[in-house]
Amino acid sequence: MQRKGESMGRFKVQNQDGKRLLVFGQTKDIIVQIFK
């Protein structure tokens, strides 16, 4: 659901210092958001 610059779902991958997270960084970010 992570489209360029936005998300179609409940959770959005957070950028760090304007940089895009790597693949597994995105996965970890989503997992943390779901758990919280």
PDB file of all heavy atoms in Angstrom:
ATOM      1  N   MET A   1       0.811  -1.223   0.000  1.00  0.00           N
ATOM      2  CA  MET A   1       0.000   0.000   0.000  1.00  0.00           C
ATOM      3  C   MET A   1       0.843   1.271   0.000  1.00  0.00           C
ATOM      4  O   MET A   1       0.305   2.381  -0.089  1.00  0.00           O
ATOM      5  CB  MET A   1      -0.917   0.028   1.235  1.00  0.00           C
ATOM      6  CG  MET A   1      -1.986  -1.068   1.264  1.00  0.00           C
ATOM      7  SD  MET A   1      -3.127  -0.978  -0.134  1.00  0.00           S
ATOM      8  CE  MET A   1      -2.478  -2.300  -1.153  1.00  0.00           C
ATOM      9  N   GLN A   2       2.163   1.141   0.113  1.00  0.00           N
ATOM     10  CA  GLN A   2       3.042   2.315   0.172  1.00  0.00           C
ATOM     11  C   GLN A   2       3.287   2.874  -1.226  1.00  0.00           C
ATOM     12  O   GLN A   2       4.147   2.409  -1.952  1.00  0.00           O
ATOM     13  CB  GLN A   2       4.365   1.944   0.839  1.00  0.00           C
ATOM     14  CG  GLN A   2       4.240   1.326   2.208  1.00  0.00           C
ATOM     15  CD  GLN A   2       3.504   2.210   3.188  1.00  0.00           C
ATOM     16  OE1 GLN A   2       3.808   3.394   3.328  1.00  0.00           O
ATOM     17  NE2 GLN A   2       2.528   1.635   3.885  1.00  0.00           N
ATOM     18  N   ARG A   3       2.479   3.851  -1.597  1.00  0.00           N
ATOM     19  CA  ARG A   3       2.686   4.530  -2.873  1.00  0.00           C
ATOM     20  C   ARG A   3       3.744   5.620  -2.688  1.00  0.00           C
ATOM     21  O   ARG A   3       4.135   5.939  -1.571  1.00  0.00           O
ATOM     22  CB  ARG A   3       1.374   5.138  -3.374  1.00  0.00           C
ATOM     23  CG  ARG A   3       0.296   4.109  -3.612  1.00  0.00           C
ATOM     24  CD  ARG A   3      -1.031   4.754  -3.965  1.00  0.00           C
ATOM     25  NE  ARG A   3      -0.956   5.415  -5.255  1.00  0.00           N
ATOM     26  CZ  ARG A   3      -1.312   6.668  -5.473  1.00  0.00           C
ATOM     27  NH1 ARG A   3      -1.735   7.434  -4.471  1.00  0.00           N
ATOM     28  NH2 ARG A   3      -1.239   7.186  -6.678  1.00  0.00           N
ATOM     29  N   LYS A   4       4.183   6.187  -3.770  1.00  0.00           N
ATOM     30  CA  LYS A   4       5.231   7.214  -3.710  1.00  0.00           C
ATOM     31  C   LYS A   4       4.728   8.434  -2.944  1.00  0.00           C
ATOM     32  O   LYS A   4       3.822   9.141  -3.375  1.00  0.00           O
ATOM     33  CB  LYS A   4       5.632   7.620  -5.131  1.00  0.00           C
ATOM     34  CG  LYS A   4       6.901   8.450  -5.189  1.00  0.00           C
ATOM     35  CD  LYS A   4       7.358   8.643  -6.627  1.00  0.00           C
ATOM     36  CE  LYS A   4       8.671   9.402  -6.670  1.00  0.00           C
ATOM     37  NZ  LYS A   4       9.151   9.575  -8.062  1.00  0.00           N
ATOM     38  N   GLY A   5       5.308   8.658  -1.759  1.00  0.00           N
ATOM     39  CA  GLY A   5       4.966   9.829  -0.966  1.00  0.00           C
ATOM     40  C   GLY A   5       3.699   9.700  -0.135  1.00  0.00           C
ATOM     41  O   GLY A   5       3.344  10.614   0.599  1.00  0.00           O
ATOM     42  N   GLU A   6       2.989   8.568  -0.242  1.00  0.00           N
ATOM     43  CA  GLU A   6       1.758   8.408   0.530  1.00  0.00           C
ATOM     44  C   GLU A   6       1.453   6.928   0.705  1.00  0.00           C
ATOM     45  O   GLU A   6       2.154   6.060   0.199  1.00  0.00           O
ATOM     46  CB  GLU A   6       0.586   9.096  -0.185  1.00  0.00           C
ATOM     47  CG  GLU A   6       0.335   8.572  -1.588  1.00  0.00           C
ATOM     48  CD  GLU A   6      -0.790   9.319  -2.276  1.00  0.00           C
ATOM     49  OE1 GLU A   6      -1.771   9.658  -1.612  1.00  0.00           O
ATOM     50  OE2 GLU A   6      -0.673   9.550  -3.495  1.00  0.00           O
ATOM     51  N   SER A   7       0.378   6.645   1.467  1.00  0.00           N
ATOM     52  CA  SER A   7      -0.018   5.263   1.704  1.00  0.00           C
ATOM     53  C   SER A   7      -1.524   5.115   1.516  1.00  0.00           C
ATOM     54  O   SER A   7      -2.295   6.010   1.842  1.00  0.00           O
ATOM     55  CB  SER A   7       0.366   4.838   3.132  1.00  0.00           C
ATOM     56  OG  SER A   7      -0.162   3.562   3.433  1.00  0.00           O
ATOM     57  N   MET A   8      -1.934   3.973   0.975  1.00  0.00           N
ATOM     58  CA  MET A   8      -3.359   3.686   0.810  1.00  0.00           C
ATOM     59  C   MET A   8      -3.933   3.007   2.048  1.00  0.00           C
ATOM     60  O   MET A   8      -5.140   2.826   2.165  1.00  0.00           O
ATOM     61  CB  MET A   8      -3.571   2.767  -0.408  1.00  0.00           C
ATOM     62  CG  MET A   8      -3.224   3.399  -1.742  1.00  0.00           C
ATOM     63  SD  MET A   8      -3.309   2.198  -3.088  1.00  0.00           S
ATOM     64  CE  MET A   8      -5.056   1.738  -3.056  1.00  0.00           C
ATOM     65  N   GLY A   9      -3.071   2.588   2.966  1.00  0.00           N
ATOM     66  CA  GLY A   9      -3.507   1.862   4.150  1.00  0.00           C
ATOM     67  C   GLY A   9      -3.425   2.685   5.416  1.00  0.00           C
ATOM     68  O   GLY A   9      -3.282   3.910   5.390  1.00  0.00           O
ATOM     69  N   ARG A  10      -3.474   2.001   6.562  1.00  0.00           N
ATOM     70  CA  ARG A  10      -3.457   2.668   7.861  1.00  0.00           C
ATOM     71  C   ARG A  10      -2.067   3.183   8.222  1.00  0.00           C
ATOM     72  O   ARG A  10      -1.930   4.169   8.937  1.00  0.00           O
ATOM     73  CB  ARG A  10      -3.899   1.697   8.966  1.00  0.00           C
ATOM     74  CG  ARG A  10      -5.310   1.182   8.842  1.00  0.00           C
ATOM     75  CD  ARG A  10      -5.525   0.011   9.806  1.00  0.00           C
ATOM     76  NE  ARG A  10      -5.411   0.433  11.192  1.00  0.00           N
ATOM     77  CZ  ARG A  10      -5.111  -0.386  12.200  1.00  0.00           C
ATOM     78  NH1 ARG A  10      -4.837  -1.648  11.955  1.00  0.00           N
ATOM     79  NH2 ARG A  10      -5.060   0.056  13.434  1.00  0.00           N
ATOM     80  N   PHE A  11      -1.051   2.496   7.764  1.00  0.00           N
ATOM     81  CA  PHE A  11       0.310   2.808   8.188  1.00  0.00           C
ATOM     82  C   PHE A  11       1.146   3.320   7.027  1.00  0.00           C
ATOM     83  O   PHE A  11       0.988   2.889   5.893  1.00  0.00           O
ATOM     84  CB  PHE A  11       0.969   1.557   8.788  1.00  0.00           C
ATOM     85  CG  PHE A  11       0.156   0.926   9.887  1.00  0.00           C
ATOM     86  CD1 PHE A  11      -0.374  -0.345   9.720  1.00  0.00           C
ATOM     87  CD2 PHE A  11      -0.098   1.600  11.071  1.00  0.00           C
ATOM     88  CE1 PHE A  11      -1.129  -0.931  10.715  1.00  0.00           C
ATOM     89  CE2 PHE A  11      -0.853   1.028  12.075  1.00  0.00           C
ATOM     90  CZ  PHE A  11      -1.380  -0.247  11.904  1.00  0.00           C
ATOM     91  N   LYS A  12       2.042   4.233   7.357  1.00  0.00           N
ATOM     92  CA  LYS A  12       2.930   4.811   6.346  1.00  0.00           C
ATOM     93  C   LYS A  12       4.379   4.665   6.801  1.00  0.00           C
ATOM     94  O   LYS A  12       4.697   4.953   7.952  1.00  0.00           O
ATOM     95  CB  LYS A  12       2.607   6.297   6.131  1.00  0.00           C
ATOM     96  CG  LYS A  12       3.488   6.956   5.075  1.00  0.00           C
ATOM     97  CD  LYS A  12       3.125   8.432   4.896  1.00  0.00           C
ATOM     98  CE  LYS A  12       4.041   9.087   3.864  1.00  0.00           C
ATOM     99  NZ  LYS A  12       3.731  10.518   3.691  1.00  0.00           N
ATOM    100  N   VAL A  13       5.224   4.203   5.900  1.00  0.00           N
ATOM    101  CA  VAL A  13       6.651   4.065   6.216  1.00  0.00           C
ATOM    102  C   VAL A  13       7.236   5.438   6.479  1.00  0.00           C
ATOM    103  O   VAL A  13       7.062   6.368   5.686  1.00  0.00           O
ATOM    104  CB  VAL A  13       7.401   3.383   5.048  1.00  0.00           C
ATOM    105  CG1 VAL A  13       8.912   3.412   5.296  1.00  0.00           C
ATOM    106  CG2 VAL A  13       6.924   1.948   4.880  1.00  0.00           C
ATOM    107  N   GLN A  14       7.907   5.571   7.613  1.00  0.00           N
ATOM    108  CA  GLN A  14       8.475   6.861   7.999  1.00  0.00           C
ATOM    109  C   GLN A  14       9.867   7.017   7.419  1.00  0.00           C
ATOM    110  O   GLN A  14      10.700   6.108   7.492  1.00  0.00           O
ATOM    111  CB  GLN A  14       8.551   6.958   9.535  1.00  0.00           C
ATOM    112  CG  GLN A  14       7.206   6.744  10.223  1.00  0.00           C
ATOM    113  CD  GLN A  14       6.187   7.792   9.836  1.00  0.00           C
ATOM    114  OE1 GLN A  14       6.512   8.975   9.735  1.00  0.00           O
ATOM    115  NE2 GLN A  14       4.947   7.372   9.626  1.00  0.00           N
ATOM    116  N   ASN A  15      10.132   8.181   6.853  1.00  0.00           N
ATOM    117  CA  ASN A  15      11.478   8.479   6.348  1.00  0.00           C
ATOM    118  C   ASN A  15      12.342   9.028   7.470  1.00  0.00           C
ATOM    119  O   ASN A  15      11.860   9.718   8.368  1.00  0.00           O
ATOM    120  CB  ASN A  15      11.419   9.504   5.209  1.00  0.00           C
ATOM    121  CG  ASN A  15      10.751   8.940   3.981  1.00  0.00           C
ATOM    122  OD1 ASN A  15      10.647   7.732   3.821  1.00  0.00           O
ATOM    123  ND2 ASN A  15      10.285   9.815   3.111  1.00  0.00           N
ATOM    124  N   GLN A  16      13.607   8.712   7.415  1.00  0.00           N
ATOM    125  CA  GLN A  16      14.540   9.206   8.414  1.00  0.00           C
ATOM    126  C   GLN A  16      15.463  10.248   7.779  1.00  0.00           C
ATOM    127  O   GLN A  16      16.213   9.943   6.850  1.00  0.00           O
ATOM    128  CB  GLN A  16      15.378   8.050   8.988  1.00  0.00           C
ATOM    129  CG  GLN A  16      14.533   7.060   9.776  1.00  0.00           C
ATOM    130  CD  GLN A  16      15.373   5.931  10.363  1.00  0.00           C
ATOM    131  OE1 GLN A  16      16.507   5.711   9.952  1.00  0.00           O
ATOM    132  NE2 GLN A  16      14.813   5.241  11.325  1.00  0.00           N
ATOM    133  N   ASP A  17      15.353  11.485   8.286  1.00  0.00           N
ATOM    134  CA  ASP A  17      16.174  12.586   7.765  1.00  0.00           C
ATOM    135  C   ASP A  17      15.994  12.773   6.269  1.00  0.00           C
ATOM    136  O   ASP A  17      16.943  13.057   5.529  1.00  0.00           O
ATOM    137  CB  ASP A  17      17.666  12.346   8.075  1.00  0.00           C
ATOM    138  CG  ASP A  17      17.926  12.240   9.562  1.00  0.00           C
ATOM    139  OD1 ASP A  17      17.243  12.958  10.330  1.00  0.00           O
ATOM    140  OD2 ASP A  17      18.796  11.441   9.954  1.00  0.00           O
ATOM    141  N   GLY A  18      14.755  12.584   5.830  1.00  0.00           N
ATOM    142  CA  GLY A  18      14.446  12.794   4.427  1.00  0.00           C
ATOM    143  C   GLY A  18      14.897  11.676   3.520  1.00  0.00           C
ATOM    144  O   GLY A  18      14.704  11.719   2.313  1.00  0.00           O
ATOM    145  N   LYS A  19      15.524  10.654   4.098  1.00  0.00           N
ATOM    146  CA  LYS A  19      15.994   9.536   3.298  1.00  0.00           C
ATOM    147  C   LYS A  19      15.008   8.382   3.380  1.00  0.00           C
ATOM    148  O   LYS A  19      14.400   8.130   4.416  1.00  0.00           O
ATOM    149  CB  LYS A  19      17.370   9.074   3.784  1.00  0.00           C
ATOM    150  CG  LYS A  19      18.457  10.121   3.614  1.00  0.00           C
ATOM    151  CD  LYS A  19      19.790   9.585   4.099  1.00  0.00           C
ATOM    152  CE  LYS A  19      20.893  10.626   3.920  1.00  0.00           C
ATOM    153  NZ  LYS A  19      22.205  10.122   4.416  1.00  0.00           N
ATOM    154  N   ARG A  20      14.901   7.675   2.287  1.00  0.00           N
ATOM    155  CA  ARG A  20      13.997   6.545   2.239  1.00  0.00           C
ATOM    156  C   ARG A  20      14.624   5.340   2.943  1.00  0.00           C
ATOM    157  O   ARG A  20      15.807   5.047   2.767  1.00  0.00           O
ATOM    158  CB  ARG A  20      13.716   6.186   0.777  1.00  0.00           C
ATOM    159  CG  ARG A  20      12.620   5.164   0.598  1.00  0.00           C
ATOM    160  CD  ARG A  20      12.412   4.927  -0.875  1.00  0.00           C
ATOM    161  NE  ARG A  20      11.506   3.836  -1.106  1.00  0.00           N
ATOM    162  CZ  ARG A  20      11.265   3.319  -2.289  1.00  0.00           C
ATOM    163  NH1 ARG A  20      11.867   3.819  -3.343  1.00  0.00           N
ATOM    164  NH2 ARG A  20      10.425   2.319  -2.437  1.00  0.00           N
ATOM    165  N   LEU A  21      13.835   4.660   3.741  1.00  0.00           N
ATOM    166  CA  LEU A  21      14.341   3.482   4.434  1.00  0.00           C
ATOM    167  C   LEU A  21      14.620   2.363   3.446  1.00  0.00           C
ATOM    168  O   LEU A  21      13.948   2.217   2.433  1.00  0.00           O
ATOM    169  CB  LEU A  21      13.297   2.992   5.451  1.00  0.00           C
ATOM    170  CG  LEU A  21      13.067   3.865   6.688  1.00  0.00           C
ATOM    171  CD1 LEU A  21      11.902   3.313   7.488  1.00  0.00           C
ATOM    172  CD2 LEU A  21      14.310   3.904   7.550  1.00  0.00           C
ATOM    173  N   LEU A  22      15.624   1.552   3.752  1.00  0.00           N
ATOM    174  CA  LEU A  22      15.886   0.371   2.947  1.00  0.00           C
ATOM    175  C   LEU A  22      14.750  -0.623   3.149  1.00  0.00           C
ATOM    176  O   LEU A  22      13.937  -0.488   4.059  1.00  0.00           O
ATOM    177  CB  LEU A  22      17.222  -0.254   3.350  1.00  0.00           C
ATOM    178  CG  LEU A  22      18.472   0.616   3.079  1.00  0.00           C
ATOM    179  CD1 LEU A  22      19.715  -0.073   3.625  1.00  0.00           C
ATOM    180  CD2 LEU A  22      18.620   0.894   1.586  1.00  0.00           C
ATOM    181  N   VAL A  23      14.727  -1.669   2.299  1.00  0.00           N
ATOM    182  CA  VAL A  23      13.612  -2.617   2.309  1.00  0.00           C
ATOM    183  C   VAL A  23      13.320  -3.179   3.692  1.00  0.00           C
ATOM    184  O   VAL A  23      12.194  -3.128   4.175  1.00  0.00           O
ATOM    185  CB  VAL A  23      13.895  -3.777   1.324  1.00  0.00           C
ATOM    186  CG1 VAL A  23      12.812  -4.847   1.455  1.00  0.00           C
ATOM    187  CG2 VAL A  23      13.928  -3.252  -0.103  1.00  0.00           C
ATOM    188  N   PHE A  24      14.358  -3.712   4.356  1.00  0.00           N
ATOM    189  CA  PHE A  24      14.113  -4.313   5.658  1.00  0.00           C
ATOM    190  C   PHE A  24      13.836  -3.257   6.721  1.00  0.00           C
ATOM    191  O   PHE A  24      13.202  -3.541   7.736  1.00  0.00           O
ATOM    192  CB  PHE A  24      15.294  -5.215   6.056  1.00  0.00           C
ATOM    193  CG  PHE A  24      15.332  -6.498   5.278  1.00  0.00           C
ATOM    194  CD1 PHE A  24      16.312  -6.713   4.324  1.00  0.00           C
ATOM    195  CD2 PHE A  24      14.379  -7.481   5.481  1.00  0.00           C
ATOM    196  CE1 PHE A  24      16.340  -7.880   3.590  1.00  0.00           C
ATOM    197  CE2 PHE A  24      14.398  -8.658   4.757  1.00  0.00           C
ATOM    198  CZ  PHE A  24      15.379  -8.869   3.802  1.00  0.00           C
ATOM    199  N   GLY A  25      14.327  -2.016   6.487  1.00  0.00           N
ATOM    200  CA  GLY A  25      13.981  -0.923   7.388  1.00  0.00           C
ATOM    201  C   GLY A  25      12.508  -0.598   7.294  1.00  0.00           C
ATOM    202  O   GLY A  25      11.841  -0.331   8.304  1.00  0.00           O
ATOM    203  N   GLN A  26      11.967  -0.616   6.084  1.00  0.00           N
ATOM    204  CA  GLN A  26      10.537  -0.389   5.876  1.00  0.00           C
ATOM    205  C   GLN A  26       9.718  -1.481   6.551  1.00  0.00           C
ATOM    206  O   GLN A  26       8.697  -1.224   7.195  1.00  0.00           O
ATOM    207  CB  GLN A  26      10.213  -0.359   4.384  1.00  0.00           C
ATOM    208  CG  GLN A  26      10.850   0.796   3.629  1.00  0.00           C
ATOM    209  CD  GLN A  26      10.547   0.730   2.145  1.00  0.00           C
ATOM    210  OE1 GLN A  26       9.586   0.123   1.718  1.00  0.00           O
ATOM    211  NE2 GLN A  26      11.392   1.371   1.344  1.00  0.00           N
ATOM    212  N   THR A  27      10.176  -2.726   6.400  1.00  0.00           N
ATOM    213  CA  THR A  27       9.473  -3.867   7.008  1.00  0.00           C
ATOM    214  C   THR A  27       9.441  -3.726   8.519  1.00  0.00           C
ATOM    215  O   THR A  27       8.387  -3.901   9.148  1.00  0.00           O
ATOM    216  CB  THR A  27      10.177  -5.184   6.625  1.00  0.00           C
ATOM    217  OG1 THR A  27      10.231  -5.299   5.198  1.00  0.00           O
ATOM    218  CG2 THR A  27       9.435  -6.373   7.214  1.00  0.00           C
ATOM    219  N   LYS A  28      10.592  -3.389   9.101  1.00  0.00           N
ATOM    220  CA  LYS A  28      10.665  -3.219  10.550  1.00  0.00           C
ATOM    221  C   LYS A  28       9.738  -2.095  10.998  1.00  0.00           C
ATOM    222  O   LYS A  28       9.038  -2.219  12.022  1.00  0.00           O
ATOM    223  CB  LYS A  28      12.103  -2.916  10.952  1.00  0.00           C
ATOM    224  CG  LYS A  28      12.278  -2.695  12.451  1.00  0.00           C
ATOM    225  CD  LYS A  28      13.723  -2.332  12.783  1.00  0.00           C
ATOM    226  CE  LYS A  28      13.877  -2.036  14.269  1.00  0.00           C
ATOM    227  NZ  LYS A  28      15.289  -1.639  14.605  1.00  0.00           N
ATOM    228  N   ASP A  29       9.719  -1.005  10.237  1.00  0.00           N
ATOM    229  CA  ASP A  29       8.882   0.142  10.574  1.00  0.00           C
ATOM    230  C   ASP A  29       7.396  -0.240  10.586  1.00  0.00           C
ATOM    231  O   ASP A  29       6.649   0.121  11.504  1.00  0.00           O
ATOM    232  CB  ASP A  29       9.133   1.265   9.572  1.00  0.00           C
ATOM    233  CG  ASP A  29       8.511   2.582  10.004  1.00  0.00           C
ATOM    234  OD1 ASP A  29       8.390   2.803  11.223  1.00  0.00           O
ATOM    235  OD2 ASP A  29       8.137   3.375   9.128  1.00  0.00           O
ATOM    236  N   ILE A  30       6.976  -0.987   9.576  1.00  0.00           N
ATOM    237  CA  ILE A  30       5.580  -1.419   9.500  1.00  0.00           C
ATOM    238  C   ILE A  30       5.236  -2.369  10.639  1.00  0.00           C
ATOM    239  O   ILE A  30       4.170  -2.264  11.264  1.00  0.00           O
ATOM    240  CB  ILE A  30       5.304  -2.102   8.135  1.00  0.00           C
ATOM    241  CG1 ILE A  30       5.320  -1.066   7.009  1.00  0.00           C
ATOM    242  CG2 ILE A  30       3.958  -2.843   8.162  1.00  0.00           C
ATOM    243  CD1 ILE A  30       4.198  -0.047   7.072  1.00  0.00           C
ATOM    244  N   ILE A  31       6.144  -3.309  10.936  1.00  0.00           N
ATOM    245  CA  ILE A  31       5.910  -4.266  12.023  1.00  0.00           C
ATOM    246  C   ILE A  31       5.731  -3.534  13.352  1.00  0.00           C
ATOM    247  O   ILE A  31       4.821  -3.844  14.133  1.00  0.00           O
ATOM    248  CB  ILE A  31       7.077  -5.275  12.117  1.00  0.00           C
ATOM    249  CG1 ILE A  31       7.056  -6.213  10.905  1.00  0.00           C
ATOM    250  CG2 ILE A  31       7.000  -6.077  13.414  1.00  0.00           C
ATOM    251  CD1 ILE A  31       8.254  -7.144  10.837  1.00  0.00           C
ATOM    252  N   VAL A  32       6.594  -2.541  13.589  1.00  0.00           N
ATOM    253  CA  VAL A  32       6.507  -1.772  14.840  1.00  0.00           C
ATOM    254  C   VAL A  32       5.181  -1.015  14.915  1.00  0.00           C
ATOM    255  O   VAL A  32       4.524  -0.990  15.965  1.00  0.00           O
ATOM    256  CB  VAL A  32       7.696  -0.781  14.942  1.00  0.00           C
ATOM    257  CG1 VAL A  32       7.471   0.206  16.094  1.00  0.00           C
ATOM    258  CG2 VAL A  32       8.999  -1.537  15.136  1.00  0.00           C
ATOM    259  N   GLN A  33       4.769  -0.403  13.821  1.00  0.00           N
ATOM    260  CA  GLN A  33       3.513   0.347  13.808  1.00  0.00           C
ATOM    261  C   GLN A  33       2.307  -0.565  14.037  1.00  0.00           C
ATOM    262  O   GLN A  33       1.372  -0.198  14.759  1.00  0.00           O
ATOM    263  CB  GLN A  33       3.355   1.076  12.472  1.00  0.00           C
ATOM    264  CG  GLN A  33       4.320   2.237  12.276  1.00  0.00           C
ATOM    265  CD  GLN A  33       4.050   2.997  10.990  1.00  0.00           C
ATOM    266  OE1 GLN A  33       2.958   3.499  10.771  1.00  0.00           O
ATOM    267  NE2 GLN A  33       5.056   3.080  10.131  1.00  0.00           N
ATOM    268  N   ILE A  34       2.322  -1.738  13.427  1.00  0.00           N
ATOM    269  CA  ILE A  34       1.218  -2.690  13.626  1.00  0.00           C
ATOM    270  C   ILE A  34       1.150  -3.116  15.085  1.00  0.00           C
ATOM    271  O   ILE A  34       0.069  -3.151  15.687  1.00  0.00           O
ATOM    272  CB  ILE A  34       1.403  -3.942  12.719  1.00  0.00           C
ATOM    273  CG1 ILE A  34       1.242  -3.565  11.246  1.00  0.00           C
ATOM    274  CG2 ILE A  34       0.379  -5.023  13.084  1.00  0.00           C
ATOM    275  CD1 ILE A  34       1.583  -4.693  10.285  1.00  0.00           C
ATOM    276  N   PHE A  35       2.309  -3.428  15.663  1.00  0.00           N
ATOM    277  CA  PHE A  35       2.343  -3.891  17.055  1.00  0.00           C
ATOM    278  C   PHE A  35       1.895  -2.794  18.017  1.00  0.00           C
ATOM    279  O   PHE A  35       1.161  -3.059  18.977  1.00  0.00           O
ATOM    280  CB  PHE A  35       3.754  -4.365  17.418  1.00  0.00           C
ATOM    281  CG  PHE A  35       3.838  -5.028  18.758  1.00  0.00           C
ATOM    282  CD1 PHE A  35       3.390  -6.335  18.930  1.00  0.00           C
ATOM    283  CD2 PHE A  35       4.351  -4.354  19.854  1.00  0.00           C
ATOM    284  CE1 PHE A  35       3.447  -6.949  20.184  1.00  0.00           C
ATOM    285  CE2 PHE A  35       4.412  -4.951  21.103  1.00  0.00           C
ATOM    286  CZ  PHE A  35       3.964  -6.263  21.265  1.00  0.00           C
ATOM    287  N   LYS A  36       2.323  -1.547  17.772  1.00  0.00           N
ATOM    288  CA  LYS A  36       1.922  -0.438  18.640  1.00  0.00           C
ATOM    289  C   LYS A  36       0.420  -0.187  18.565  1.00  0.00           C
ATOM    290  O   LYS A  36      -0.225   0.131  19.572  1.00  0.00           O
ATOM    291  CB  LYS A  36       2.676   0.837  18.242  1.00  0.00           C
ATOM    292  CG  LYS A  36       4.121   0.876  18.712  1.00  0.00           C
ATOM    293  CD  LYS A  36       4.775   2.200  18.344  1.00  0.00           C
ATOM    294  CE  LYS A  36       6.204   2.272  18.866  1.00  0.00           C
ATOM    295  NZ  LYS A  36       6.858   3.560  18.494  1.00  0.00           N
TER     296      LYS A  36
END
